[in-house]
Amino acid sequence: MLTASAKPGAYSSFQQGTGRTDLVRALDQSVVTDQGPLDFGKQLWPHDDNKPVVTKLTYSNLGTEPVTLGLSAGALTVDGKPAAECMFSVSPGRITVSVGGGASAEVTADTRVGTTDGSFGGAVSATSADDRVQVRTAVGVECEVESYDLTLKHIDESGSPTGDAATSVLGFDRDFFGTFTTNRTASSRCGCPRATTRLRA
């Protein structure tokens, strides 16, 4: 309830979540969502096989009167630029949440519509006609930048596989850092963005 009533800033949901908590609104309004933030995962590079991802979002009405809500979706990049039109969409555009009951909509993330890679985060907004009810649900998806698989195999002093090791990968000309471990029988595969990198084991 607290996050659903938050006021947004000019940031991606990866930076601000749903927004700044509005305690007064949280205490006053009766419509809540059954889910927290909607994570649409990562679409791996290259993107010629990207597919839309659909998730159901359900609202519940704890009040004494039905509430009709208009639904919309939008998102920003981490640089504050608008995501491509229709990267996030919600259907239907209007629902009525009955007293003591629920109503659902389908939220779709479609990374095929954009030409820019990276993380895109925003919210689905559900608003009554008089603005007394405003419910926000954070959404996010990552469209992986140009990346390549790096396979790591750790061995001990005798040349045998070991799980007692880790490798850090640091990007010099791209913001990337990761630490990867393996078990005794398997290798570790990580997706590294195209960049000049340094490995430290």
N, C-alpha and C. Protein backbone atom coordinates (compact mmCIF):
# COMPACT_ATOMS: atom_id res chain seq x y z
N MET A 1 0.82 -1.20 0.00
CA MET A 1 0.00 0.00 0.00
C MET A 1 0.87 1.26 0.00
N LEU A 2 1.96 1.22 0.75
CA LEU A 2 2.83 2.39 0.82
C LEU A 2 3.46 2.71 -0.53
N THR A 3 4.03 1.70 -1.18
CA THR A 3 4.69 1.95 -2.47
C THR A 3 3.68 2.27 -3.55
N ALA A 4 2.49 1.68 -3.48
CA ALA A 4 1.48 1.91 -4.51
C ALA A 4 0.98 3.34 -4.51
N SER A 5 1.07 4.03 -3.37
CA SER A 5 0.58 5.39 -3.27
C SER A 5 1.69 6.42 -3.46
N ALA A 6 2.90 5.98 -3.81
CA ALA A 6 4.05 6.88 -3.88
C ALA A 6 3.94 7.87 -5.04
N LYS A 7 4.59 9.02 -4.86
CA LYS A 7 4.65 10.04 -5.90
C LYS A 7 5.94 9.86 -6.70
N PRO A 8 5.85 9.83 -8.03
CA PRO A 8 7.05 9.59 -8.84
C PRO A 8 7.91 10.84 -9.00
N GLY A 9 9.18 10.62 -9.25
CA GLY A 9 10.09 11.68 -9.66
C GLY A 9 10.49 11.45 -11.11
N ALA A 10 11.41 12.25 -11.60
CA ALA A 10 11.85 12.15 -12.99
C ALA A 10 12.97 11.13 -13.13
N TYR A 11 12.70 9.91 -12.63
CA TYR A 11 13.72 8.87 -12.62
C TYR A 11 13.12 7.54 -13.06
N SER A 12 13.99 6.64 -13.48
CA SER A 12 13.59 5.29 -13.78
C SER A 12 13.25 4.56 -12.48
N SER A 13 12.42 3.53 -12.57
CA SER A 13 12.10 2.75 -11.37
C SER A 13 13.32 2.00 -10.85
N PHE A 14 14.33 1.81 -11.68
CA PHE A 14 15.56 1.20 -11.21
C PHE A 14 16.30 2.14 -10.26
N GLN A 15 15.99 3.42 -10.32
CA GLN A 15 16.64 4.41 -9.46
C GLN A 15 15.79 4.83 -8.27
N GLN A 16 14.47 4.89 -8.45
CA GLN A 16 13.61 5.41 -7.39
C GLN A 16 12.57 4.42 -6.89
N GLY A 17 12.53 3.22 -7.46
CA GLY A 17 11.43 2.33 -7.12
C GLY A 17 10.13 2.91 -7.67
N THR A 18 9.09 2.94 -6.85
CA THR A 18 7.82 3.51 -7.29
C THR A 18 7.79 5.02 -7.11
N GLY A 19 8.59 5.54 -6.18
CA GLY A 19 8.63 6.97 -5.94
C GLY A 19 8.70 7.29 -4.46
N ARG A 20 8.37 8.52 -4.11
CA ARG A 20 8.39 8.98 -2.72
C ARG A 20 7.07 8.64 -2.04
N THR A 21 7.17 7.99 -0.90
CA THR A 21 5.97 7.54 -0.19
C THR A 21 5.08 8.72 0.22
N ASP A 22 3.78 8.57 -0.05
CA ASP A 22 2.78 9.56 0.34
C ASP A 22 1.91 8.93 1.43
N LEU A 23 2.23 9.17 2.68
CA LEU A 23 1.55 8.51 3.79
C LEU A 23 0.07 8.89 3.87
N VAL A 24 -0.25 10.15 3.59
CA VAL A 24 -1.64 10.59 3.66
C VAL A 24 -2.49 9.82 2.65
N ARG A 25 -1.99 9.73 1.41
CA ARG A 25 -2.74 9.00 0.40
C ARG A 25 -2.80 7.51 0.73
N ALA A 26 -1.72 6.97 1.24
CA ALA A 26 -1.71 5.55 1.58
C ALA A 26 -2.76 5.21 2.62
N LEU A 27 -3.00 6.11 3.57
CA LEU A 27 -3.98 5.86 4.62
C LEU A 27 -5.42 6.09 4.13
N ASP A 28 -5.58 6.96 3.13
CA ASP A 28 -6.93 7.34 2.69
C ASP A 28 -7.51 6.40 1.64
N GLN A 29 -6.68 5.95 0.70
CA GLN A 29 -7.29 5.22 -0.42
C GLN A 29 -7.43 3.74 -0.11
N SER A 30 -8.43 3.13 -0.77
CA SER A 30 -8.83 1.77 -0.42
C SER A 30 -8.42 0.74 -1.45
N VAL A 31 -7.89 1.15 -2.59
CA VAL A 31 -7.51 0.20 -3.63
C VAL A 31 -6.02 -0.11 -3.52
N VAL A 32 -5.70 -1.39 -3.55
CA VAL A 32 -4.31 -1.83 -3.45
C VAL A 32 -4.05 -2.86 -4.54
N THR A 33 -2.79 -3.09 -4.82
CA THR A 33 -2.41 -4.15 -5.76
C THR A 33 -2.03 -5.40 -4.99
N ASP A 34 -2.25 -6.54 -5.62
CA ASP A 34 -1.91 -7.81 -4.98
C ASP A 34 -0.43 -8.15 -5.18
N GLN A 35 0.24 -7.46 -6.11
CA GLN A 35 1.65 -7.73 -6.39
C GLN A 35 2.51 -6.52 -6.03
N GLY A 36 3.79 -6.78 -5.91
CA GLY A 36 4.76 -5.70 -5.78
C GLY A 36 5.24 -5.30 -7.16
N PRO A 37 6.45 -4.79 -7.28
CA PRO A 37 6.99 -4.40 -8.59
C PRO A 37 6.98 -5.57 -9.58
N LEU A 38 6.74 -5.25 -10.84
CA LEU A 38 6.70 -6.27 -11.90
C LEU A 38 8.05 -6.28 -12.62
N ASP A 39 8.76 -7.38 -12.49
CA ASP A 39 10.07 -7.54 -13.12
C ASP A 39 9.90 -8.38 -14.39
N PHE A 40 10.17 -7.75 -15.54
CA PHE A 40 10.02 -8.44 -16.82
C PHE A 40 11.33 -9.05 -17.31
N GLY A 41 12.34 -9.08 -16.44
CA GLY A 41 13.55 -9.82 -16.73
C GLY A 41 14.46 -9.14 -17.73
N LYS A 42 15.31 -9.96 -18.34
CA LYS A 42 16.31 -9.48 -19.29
C LYS A 42 16.13 -10.16 -20.64
N GLN A 43 16.11 -9.35 -21.71
CA GLN A 43 16.11 -9.87 -23.07
C GLN A 43 17.56 -9.89 -23.53
N LEU A 44 18.08 -11.09 -23.80
CA LEU A 44 19.49 -11.24 -24.10
C LEU A 44 19.84 -10.75 -25.51
N TRP A 45 21.05 -10.21 -25.61
CA TRP A 45 21.58 -9.78 -26.91
C TRP A 45 22.03 -11.02 -27.69
N PRO A 46 21.91 -11.08 -29.02
CA PRO A 46 21.28 -10.08 -29.90
C PRO A 46 19.76 -10.14 -29.80
N HIS A 47 19.07 -9.14 -30.33
CA HIS A 47 17.65 -8.96 -30.07
C HIS A 47 16.74 -9.32 -31.24
N ASP A 48 17.24 -10.13 -32.16
CA ASP A 48 16.40 -10.49 -33.30
C ASP A 48 15.32 -11.51 -32.93
N ASP A 49 15.40 -12.07 -31.72
CA ASP A 49 14.39 -13.05 -31.30
C ASP A 49 13.65 -12.60 -30.04
N ASN A 50 13.67 -11.30 -29.74
CA ASN A 50 12.94 -10.80 -28.57
C ASN A 50 11.45 -11.11 -28.69
N LYS A 51 10.85 -11.40 -27.57
CA LYS A 51 9.41 -11.68 -27.54
C LYS A 51 8.76 -10.84 -26.43
N PRO A 52 7.51 -10.43 -26.64
CA PRO A 52 6.80 -9.71 -25.58
C PRO A 52 6.61 -10.59 -24.34
N VAL A 53 6.65 -9.97 -23.18
CA VAL A 53 6.43 -10.68 -21.91
C VAL A 53 5.19 -10.07 -21.26
N VAL A 54 4.26 -10.93 -20.86
CA VAL A 54 2.97 -10.48 -20.33
C VAL A 54 2.82 -10.95 -18.88
N THR A 55 2.40 -10.05 -18.00
CA THR A 55 2.17 -10.36 -16.59
C THR A 55 0.82 -9.79 -16.17
N LYS A 56 0.10 -10.55 -15.34
CA LYS A 56 -1.19 -10.08 -14.84
C LYS A 56 -1.00 -9.23 -13.60
N LEU A 57 -1.71 -8.12 -13.55
CA LEU A 57 -1.69 -7.21 -12.40
C LEU A 57 -3.10 -7.14 -11.82
N THR A 58 -3.23 -7.44 -10.54
CA THR A 58 -4.55 -7.52 -9.91
C THR A 58 -4.71 -6.45 -8.83
N TYR A 59 -5.87 -5.80 -8.84
CA TYR A 59 -6.22 -4.77 -7.85
C TYR A 59 -7.33 -5.29 -6.94
N SER A 60 -7.25 -4.91 -5.67
CA SER A 60 -8.29 -5.27 -4.70
C SER A 60 -8.86 -4.00 -4.08
N ASN A 61 -10.15 -4.05 -3.75
CA ASN A 61 -10.85 -2.90 -3.19
C ASN A 61 -11.24 -3.21 -1.74
N LEU A 62 -10.61 -2.50 -0.81
CA LEU A 62 -10.89 -2.71 0.61
C LEU A 62 -11.95 -1.74 1.15
N GLY A 63 -12.50 -0.92 0.26
CA GLY A 63 -13.44 0.10 0.68
C GLY A 63 -14.89 -0.34 0.63
N THR A 64 -15.79 0.66 0.60
CA THR A 64 -17.23 0.38 0.66
C THR A 64 -17.95 0.74 -0.63
N GLU A 65 -17.22 1.22 -1.65
CA GLU A 65 -17.82 1.57 -2.93
C GLU A 65 -16.94 1.06 -4.07
N PRO A 66 -17.58 0.68 -5.19
CA PRO A 66 -16.78 0.28 -6.36
C PRO A 66 -15.93 1.46 -6.84
N VAL A 67 -14.77 1.15 -7.40
CA VAL A 67 -13.87 2.18 -7.90
C VAL A 67 -13.50 1.87 -9.34
N THR A 68 -13.70 2.86 -10.21
CA THR A 68 -13.31 2.71 -11.62
C THR A 68 -11.98 3.43 -11.83
N LEU A 69 -11.06 2.74 -12.47
CA LEU A 69 -9.70 3.24 -12.64
C LEU A 69 -9.30 3.26 -14.11
N GLY A 70 -8.67 4.35 -14.51
CA GLY A 70 -8.05 4.40 -15.82
C GLY A 70 -6.61 3.95 -15.70
N LEU A 71 -6.17 3.08 -16.62
CA LEU A 71 -4.84 2.49 -16.53
C LEU A 71 -3.94 3.00 -17.65
N SER A 72 -2.68 3.24 -17.30
CA SER A 72 -1.69 3.66 -18.30
C SER A 72 -0.33 3.17 -17.84
N ALA A 73 0.62 3.13 -18.78
CA ALA A 73 1.97 2.66 -18.45
C ALA A 73 2.99 3.53 -19.17
N GLY A 74 4.11 3.73 -18.51
CA GLY A 74 5.20 4.50 -19.11
C GLY A 74 6.50 4.16 -18.43
N ALA A 75 7.62 4.51 -19.08
CA ALA A 75 8.92 4.18 -18.52
C ALA A 75 9.98 5.14 -19.03
N LEU A 76 11.11 5.14 -18.31
CA LEU A 76 12.26 5.97 -18.66
C LEU A 76 13.51 5.11 -18.69
N THR A 77 14.54 5.60 -19.40
CA THR A 77 15.85 5.00 -19.30
C THR A 77 16.51 5.49 -18.01
N VAL A 78 17.67 4.93 -17.66
CA VAL A 78 18.37 5.40 -16.47
C VAL A 78 18.93 6.80 -16.67
N ASP A 79 18.94 7.28 -17.93
CA ASP A 79 19.36 8.65 -18.22
C ASP A 79 18.20 9.63 -18.18
N GLY A 80 17.00 9.14 -17.85
CA GLY A 80 15.84 10.01 -17.76
C GLY A 80 15.13 10.27 -19.06
N LYS A 81 15.50 9.54 -20.13
CA LYS A 81 14.84 9.72 -21.42
C LYS A 81 13.65 8.77 -21.53
N PRO A 82 12.59 9.18 -22.22
CA PRO A 82 11.43 8.29 -22.35
C PRO A 82 11.77 7.01 -23.10
N ALA A 83 11.23 5.92 -22.63
CA ALA A 83 11.36 4.66 -23.36
C ALA A 83 10.55 4.74 -24.64
N ALA A 84 10.83 3.84 -25.57
CA ALA A 84 10.09 3.81 -26.82
C ALA A 84 8.60 3.65 -26.56
N GLU A 85 7.80 4.28 -27.40
CA GLU A 85 6.35 4.19 -27.25
C GLU A 85 5.90 2.73 -27.30
N CYS A 86 5.04 2.36 -26.37
CA CYS A 86 4.47 1.02 -26.27
C CYS A 86 5.47 -0.05 -25.81
N MET A 87 6.62 0.37 -25.27
CA MET A 87 7.49 -0.64 -24.67
C MET A 87 6.77 -1.30 -23.50
N PHE A 88 6.02 -0.49 -22.75
CA PHE A 88 5.12 -1.03 -21.73
C PHE A 88 3.70 -0.63 -22.10
N SER A 89 2.80 -1.58 -22.02
CA SER A 89 1.39 -1.29 -22.29
C SER A 89 0.54 -2.08 -21.32
N VAL A 90 -0.70 -1.62 -21.13
CA VAL A 90 -1.61 -2.28 -20.21
C VAL A 90 -2.99 -2.38 -20.85
N SER A 91 -3.63 -3.53 -20.66
CA SER A 91 -4.94 -3.77 -21.25
C SER A 91 -5.80 -4.56 -20.26
N PRO A 92 -7.08 -4.15 -20.08
CA PRO A 92 -7.76 -3.02 -20.72
C PRO A 92 -7.30 -1.69 -20.14
N GLY A 93 -7.76 -0.61 -20.76
CA GLY A 93 -7.38 0.72 -20.31
C GLY A 93 -8.23 1.23 -19.15
N ARG A 94 -9.29 0.50 -18.81
CA ARG A 94 -10.17 0.92 -17.71
C ARG A 94 -10.75 -0.32 -17.04
N ILE A 95 -10.75 -0.31 -15.72
CA ILE A 95 -11.33 -1.42 -14.97
C ILE A 95 -12.16 -0.86 -13.82
N THR A 96 -13.11 -1.67 -13.35
CA THR A 96 -13.88 -1.33 -12.16
C THR A 96 -13.61 -2.40 -11.11
N VAL A 97 -13.16 -1.94 -9.94
CA VAL A 97 -12.81 -2.86 -8.86
C VAL A 97 -13.98 -2.88 -7.88
N SER A 98 -14.64 -4.01 -7.78
CA SER A 98 -15.83 -4.13 -6.93
C SER A 98 -15.45 -4.16 -5.46
N VAL A 99 -16.42 -3.85 -4.60
CA VAL A 99 -16.19 -3.84 -3.15
C VAL A 99 -15.87 -5.26 -2.68
N GLY A 100 -14.77 -5.40 -1.97
CA GLY A 100 -14.39 -6.71 -1.47
C GLY A 100 -13.90 -7.66 -2.54
N GLY A 101 -13.80 -7.17 -3.76
CA GLY A 101 -13.39 -8.03 -4.86
C GLY A 101 -12.13 -7.51 -5.53
N GLY A 102 -11.87 -8.04 -6.70
CA GLY A 102 -10.67 -7.65 -7.44
C GLY A 102 -10.94 -7.50 -8.92
N ALA A 103 -10.00 -6.91 -9.61
CA ALA A 103 -10.05 -6.77 -11.06
C ALA A 103 -8.62 -6.82 -11.57
N SER A 104 -8.44 -7.41 -12.75
CA SER A 104 -7.10 -7.62 -13.26
C SER A 104 -6.91 -6.99 -14.63
N ALA A 105 -5.67 -6.71 -14.94
CA ALA A 105 -5.27 -6.23 -16.26
C ALA A 105 -3.99 -6.94 -16.64
N GLU A 106 -3.69 -6.93 -17.94
CA GLU A 106 -2.45 -7.53 -18.43
C GLU A 106 -1.46 -6.44 -18.79
N VAL A 107 -0.26 -6.56 -18.25
CA VAL A 107 0.81 -5.61 -18.54
C VAL A 107 1.82 -6.30 -19.45
N THR A 108 2.18 -5.64 -20.53
CA THR A 108 3.10 -6.21 -21.52
C THR A 108 4.35 -5.36 -21.64
N ALA A 109 5.51 -6.03 -21.62
CA ALA A 109 6.78 -5.38 -21.93
C ALA A 109 7.25 -5.92 -23.28
N ASP A 110 7.43 -5.01 -24.24
CA ASP A 110 7.80 -5.42 -25.60
C ASP A 110 9.04 -4.65 -26.02
N THR A 111 10.20 -5.26 -25.87
CA THR A 111 11.46 -4.58 -26.19
C THR A 111 11.74 -4.54 -27.69
N ARG A 112 10.88 -5.15 -28.51
CA ARG A 112 11.09 -5.10 -29.97
C ARG A 112 10.84 -3.71 -30.53
N VAL A 113 10.13 -2.86 -29.78
CA VAL A 113 9.74 -1.55 -30.33
C VAL A 113 10.86 -0.52 -30.23
N GLY A 114 11.86 -0.77 -29.43
CA GLY A 114 12.90 0.24 -29.23
C GLY A 114 14.13 -0.02 -30.07
N THR A 115 14.99 0.99 -30.16
CA THR A 115 16.26 0.87 -30.88
C THR A 115 17.44 1.07 -29.94
N THR A 116 17.16 1.30 -28.66
CA THR A 116 18.20 1.54 -27.67
C THR A 116 18.22 0.40 -26.66
N ASP A 117 19.41 -0.07 -26.32
CA ASP A 117 19.54 -1.12 -25.32
C ASP A 117 19.74 -0.50 -23.94
N GLY A 118 19.58 -1.32 -22.92
CA GLY A 118 19.76 -0.85 -21.56
C GLY A 118 18.58 -1.21 -20.68
N SER A 119 18.49 -0.56 -19.53
CA SER A 119 17.40 -0.81 -18.58
C SER A 119 16.31 0.24 -18.74
N PHE A 120 15.07 -0.22 -18.65
CA PHE A 120 13.92 0.66 -18.78
C PHE A 120 12.99 0.40 -17.60
N GLY A 121 12.70 1.45 -16.85
CA GLY A 121 11.86 1.29 -15.67
C GLY A 121 10.83 2.39 -15.55
N GLY A 122 9.66 2.03 -15.10
CA GLY A 122 8.59 3.01 -14.95
C GLY A 122 7.49 2.47 -14.07
N ALA A 123 6.25 2.70 -14.46
CA ALA A 123 5.14 2.27 -13.61
C ALA A 123 3.86 2.13 -14.42
N VAL A 124 2.99 1.28 -13.93
CA VAL A 124 1.59 1.25 -14.36
C VAL A 124 0.82 2.12 -13.37
N SER A 125 0.11 3.09 -13.89
CA SER A 125 -0.67 4.00 -13.05
C SER A 125 -2.15 3.69 -13.19
N ALA A 126 -2.82 3.57 -12.07
CA ALA A 126 -4.26 3.35 -12.04
C ALA A 126 -4.88 4.53 -11.29
N THR A 127 -5.71 5.32 -12.00
CA THR A 127 -6.20 6.58 -11.43
C THR A 127 -7.70 6.70 -11.60
N SER A 128 -8.38 7.11 -10.53
CA SER A 128 -9.82 7.36 -10.63
C SER A 128 -10.07 8.71 -11.30
N ALA A 129 -11.29 8.92 -11.78
CA ALA A 129 -11.61 10.14 -12.52
C ALA A 129 -11.42 11.39 -11.67
N ASP A 130 -11.64 11.29 -10.36
CA ASP A 130 -11.49 12.45 -9.48
C ASP A 130 -10.10 12.55 -8.85
N ASP A 131 -9.20 11.66 -9.26
CA ASP A 131 -7.81 11.63 -8.76
C ASP A 131 -7.69 11.28 -7.28
N ARG A 132 -8.79 10.88 -6.66
CA ARG A 132 -8.71 10.53 -5.24
C ARG A 132 -7.95 9.22 -5.04
N VAL A 133 -8.03 8.36 -6.03
CA VAL A 133 -7.31 7.08 -5.98
C VAL A 133 -6.23 7.10 -7.05
N GLN A 134 -5.00 6.92 -6.65
CA GLN A 134 -3.87 6.83 -7.57
C GLN A 134 -2.97 5.69 -7.09
N VAL A 135 -2.95 4.63 -7.85
CA VAL A 135 -2.17 3.45 -7.47
C VAL A 135 -1.09 3.23 -8.53
N ARG A 136 0.16 3.16 -8.09
CA ARG A 136 1.28 2.97 -9.00
C ARG A 136 1.98 1.64 -8.71
N THR A 137 2.33 0.94 -9.78
CA THR A 137 3.08 -0.31 -9.66
C THR A 137 4.32 -0.21 -10.52
N ALA A 138 5.48 -0.34 -9.89
CA ALA A 138 6.74 -0.22 -10.63
C ALA A 138 6.90 -1.38 -11.61
N VAL A 139 7.47 -1.08 -12.78
CA VAL A 139 7.77 -2.09 -13.80
C VAL A 139 9.20 -1.88 -14.27
N GLY A 140 9.80 -2.93 -14.77
CA GLY A 140 11.16 -2.81 -15.29
C GLY A 140 11.52 -3.95 -16.21
N VAL A 141 12.35 -3.64 -17.20
CA VAL A 141 12.86 -4.67 -18.12
C VAL A 141 14.25 -4.23 -18.55
N GLU A 142 15.10 -5.21 -18.85
CA GLU A 142 16.44 -4.92 -19.36
C GLU A 142 16.60 -5.48 -20.75
N CYS A 143 17.04 -4.63 -21.66
CA CYS A 143 17.36 -5.04 -23.02
C CYS A 143 18.89 -5.07 -23.09
N GLU A 144 19.46 -6.24 -22.98
CA GLU A 144 20.90 -6.38 -22.80
C GLU A 144 21.69 -5.68 -23.90
N VAL A 145 22.70 -4.91 -23.48
CA VAL A 145 23.60 -4.28 -24.45
C VAL A 145 24.42 -5.36 -25.13
N GLU A 146 25.09 -5.00 -26.23
CA GLU A 146 25.89 -5.97 -26.97
C GLU A 146 26.84 -6.68 -26.00
N SER A 147 26.68 -7.99 -25.88
CA SER A 147 27.41 -8.76 -24.88
C SER A 147 27.85 -10.10 -25.45
N TYR A 148 28.85 -10.67 -24.82
CA TYR A 148 29.39 -11.95 -25.26
C TYR A 148 29.64 -12.84 -24.05
N ASP A 149 29.52 -14.16 -24.28
CA ASP A 149 29.71 -15.10 -23.19
C ASP A 149 31.19 -15.24 -22.85
N LEU A 150 31.48 -15.20 -21.58
CA LEU A 150 32.82 -15.44 -21.07
C LEU A 150 32.74 -16.66 -20.17
N THR A 151 33.48 -17.70 -20.51
CA THR A 151 33.46 -18.94 -19.74
C THR A 151 34.67 -18.98 -18.82
N LEU A 152 34.42 -19.17 -17.53
CA LEU A 152 35.47 -19.20 -16.52
C LEU A 152 35.59 -20.60 -15.94
N LYS A 153 36.81 -21.12 -15.88
CA LYS A 153 37.08 -22.41 -15.26
C LYS A 153 38.21 -22.20 -14.26
N HIS A 154 37.93 -22.45 -13.00
CA HIS A 154 38.93 -22.28 -11.96
C HIS A 154 39.63 -23.60 -11.66
N ILE A 155 40.95 -23.55 -11.56
CA ILE A 155 41.73 -24.74 -11.22
C ILE A 155 42.65 -24.41 -10.05
N ASP A 156 43.02 -25.46 -9.31
CA ASP A 156 43.93 -25.27 -8.19
C ASP A 156 45.38 -25.46 -8.64
N GLU A 157 46.31 -25.51 -7.67
CA GLU A 157 47.73 -25.61 -7.99
C GLU A 157 48.09 -26.88 -8.76
N SER A 158 47.27 -27.92 -8.59
CA SER A 158 47.55 -29.18 -9.29
C SER A 158 46.87 -29.27 -10.64
N GLY A 159 46.11 -28.25 -11.01
CA GLY A 159 45.42 -28.25 -12.29
C GLY A 159 44.04 -28.87 -12.26
N SER A 160 43.56 -29.20 -11.06
CA SER A 160 42.23 -29.80 -10.92
C SER A 160 41.18 -28.71 -10.72
N PRO A 161 39.94 -28.97 -11.19
CA PRO A 161 38.87 -27.98 -11.00
C PRO A 161 38.65 -27.70 -9.51
N THR A 162 38.38 -26.46 -9.19
CA THR A 162 38.15 -26.09 -7.80
C THR A 162 36.99 -25.11 -7.69
N GLY A 163 36.26 -25.23 -6.60
CA GLY A 163 35.19 -24.29 -6.34
C GLY A 163 35.60 -23.21 -5.36
N ASP A 164 36.84 -23.30 -4.90
CA ASP A 164 37.35 -22.35 -3.91
C ASP A 164 38.07 -21.21 -4.62
N ALA A 165 37.37 -20.51 -5.49
CA ALA A 165 37.98 -19.41 -6.25
C ALA A 165 36.87 -18.52 -6.81
N ALA A 166 37.26 -17.32 -7.18
CA ALA A 166 36.32 -16.37 -7.78
C ALA A 166 37.09 -15.47 -8.73
N THR A 167 36.42 -14.99 -9.74
CA THR A 167 37.01 -14.06 -10.70
C THR A 167 36.14 -12.81 -10.78
N SER A 168 36.78 -11.65 -10.69
CA SER A 168 36.09 -10.38 -10.84
C SER A 168 36.34 -9.84 -12.24
N VAL A 169 35.30 -9.31 -12.86
CA VAL A 169 35.40 -8.73 -14.19
C VAL A 169 35.02 -7.26 -14.09
N LEU A 170 35.92 -6.38 -14.51
CA LEU A 170 35.72 -4.95 -14.40
C LEU A 170 35.82 -4.32 -15.78
N GLY A 171 34.80 -3.53 -16.17
CA GLY A 171 34.84 -2.83 -17.44
C GLY A 171 35.50 -1.47 -17.30
N PHE A 172 36.43 -1.16 -18.21
CA PHE A 172 37.12 0.13 -18.17
C PHE A 172 36.34 1.22 -18.91
N ASP A 173 35.80 0.91 -20.08
CA ASP A 173 35.10 1.92 -20.87
C ASP A 173 33.59 1.71 -20.86
N ARG A 174 33.10 0.86 -19.97
CA ARG A 174 31.66 0.66 -19.78
C ARG A 174 31.43 0.32 -18.32
N ASP A 175 30.34 0.80 -17.77
CA ASP A 175 30.03 0.59 -16.36
C ASP A 175 29.59 -0.86 -16.16
N PHE A 176 30.54 -1.71 -15.80
CA PHE A 176 30.23 -3.12 -15.59
C PHE A 176 31.18 -3.69 -14.55
N PHE A 177 30.62 -4.45 -13.60
CA PHE A 177 31.44 -5.16 -12.63
C PHE A 177 30.67 -6.40 -12.19
N GLY A 178 31.38 -7.51 -12.12
CA GLY A 178 30.76 -8.73 -11.65
C GLY A 178 31.79 -9.65 -11.04
N THR A 179 31.38 -10.44 -10.06
CA THR A 179 32.23 -11.45 -9.46
C THR A 179 31.57 -12.80 -9.66
N PHE A 180 32.34 -13.76 -10.17
CA PHE A 180 31.77 -15.04 -10.57
C PHE A 180 32.55 -16.18 -9.91
N THR A 181 31.81 -17.17 -9.45
CA THR A 181 32.39 -18.35 -8.82
C THR A 181 31.96 -19.59 -9.58
N THR A 182 32.64 -20.71 -9.33
CA THR A 182 32.29 -22.00 -9.93
C THR A 182 32.27 -23.06 -8.85
N ASN A 183 31.61 -24.18 -9.17
CA ASN A 183 31.73 -25.33 -8.27
C ASN A 183 32.84 -26.24 -8.79
N ARG A 184 33.01 -27.39 -8.19
CA ARG A 184 34.15 -28.23 -8.54
C ARG A 184 34.01 -28.92 -9.89
N THR A 185 32.80 -29.05 -10.38
CA THR A 185 32.61 -29.83 -11.61
C THR A 185 32.14 -28.99 -12.79
N ALA A 186 31.73 -27.76 -12.56
CA ALA A 186 31.15 -26.98 -13.65
C ALA A 186 31.91 -25.67 -13.84
N SER A 187 31.79 -25.15 -15.04
CA SER A 187 32.35 -23.84 -15.33
C SER A 187 31.29 -22.78 -15.10
N SER A 188 31.69 -21.54 -15.09
CA SER A 188 30.77 -20.42 -14.93
C SER A 188 30.76 -19.61 -16.21
N ARG A 189 29.56 -19.31 -16.69
CA ARG A 189 29.45 -18.52 -17.92
C ARG A 189 28.74 -17.22 -17.59
N CYS A 190 29.37 -16.12 -17.98
CA CYS A 190 28.77 -14.82 -17.71
C CYS A 190 28.68 -14.02 -19.00
N GLY A 191 27.64 -13.21 -19.09
CA GLY A 191 27.49 -12.33 -20.24
C GLY A 191 28.17 -11.00 -19.98
N CYS A 192 29.22 -10.70 -20.72
CA CYS A 192 29.99 -9.47 -20.51
C CYS A 192 29.72 -8.49 -21.64
N PRO A 193 29.42 -7.25 -21.33
CA PRO A 193 29.22 -6.26 -22.38
C PRO A 193 30.50 -6.04 -23.18
N ARG A 194 30.31 -5.69 -24.45
CA ARG A 194 31.46 -5.38 -25.28
C ARG A 194 32.19 -4.18 -24.67
N ALA A 195 33.42 -4.41 -24.24
CA ALA A 195 34.17 -3.36 -23.54
C ALA A 195 35.59 -3.84 -23.33
N THR A 196 36.45 -2.92 -22.96
CA THR A 196 37.78 -3.28 -22.48
C THR A 196 37.67 -3.65 -21.03
N THR A 197 38.05 -4.88 -20.69
CA THR A 197 37.82 -5.38 -19.34
C THR A 197 39.11 -5.87 -18.70
N ARG A 198 39.07 -5.97 -17.38
CA ARG A 198 40.17 -6.54 -16.62
C ARG A 198 39.61 -7.67 -15.78
N LEU A 199 40.31 -8.80 -15.79
CA LEU A 199 39.92 -9.96 -14.99
C LEU A 199 40.88 -10.11 -13.84
N ARG A 200 40.32 -10.38 -12.66
CA ARG A 200 41.14 -10.59 -11.47
C ARG A 200 40.64 -11.82 -10.74
N ALA A 201 41.50 -12.82 -10.63
CA ALA A 201 41.11 -14.07 -9.98
C ALA A 201 41.71 -14.16 -8.58
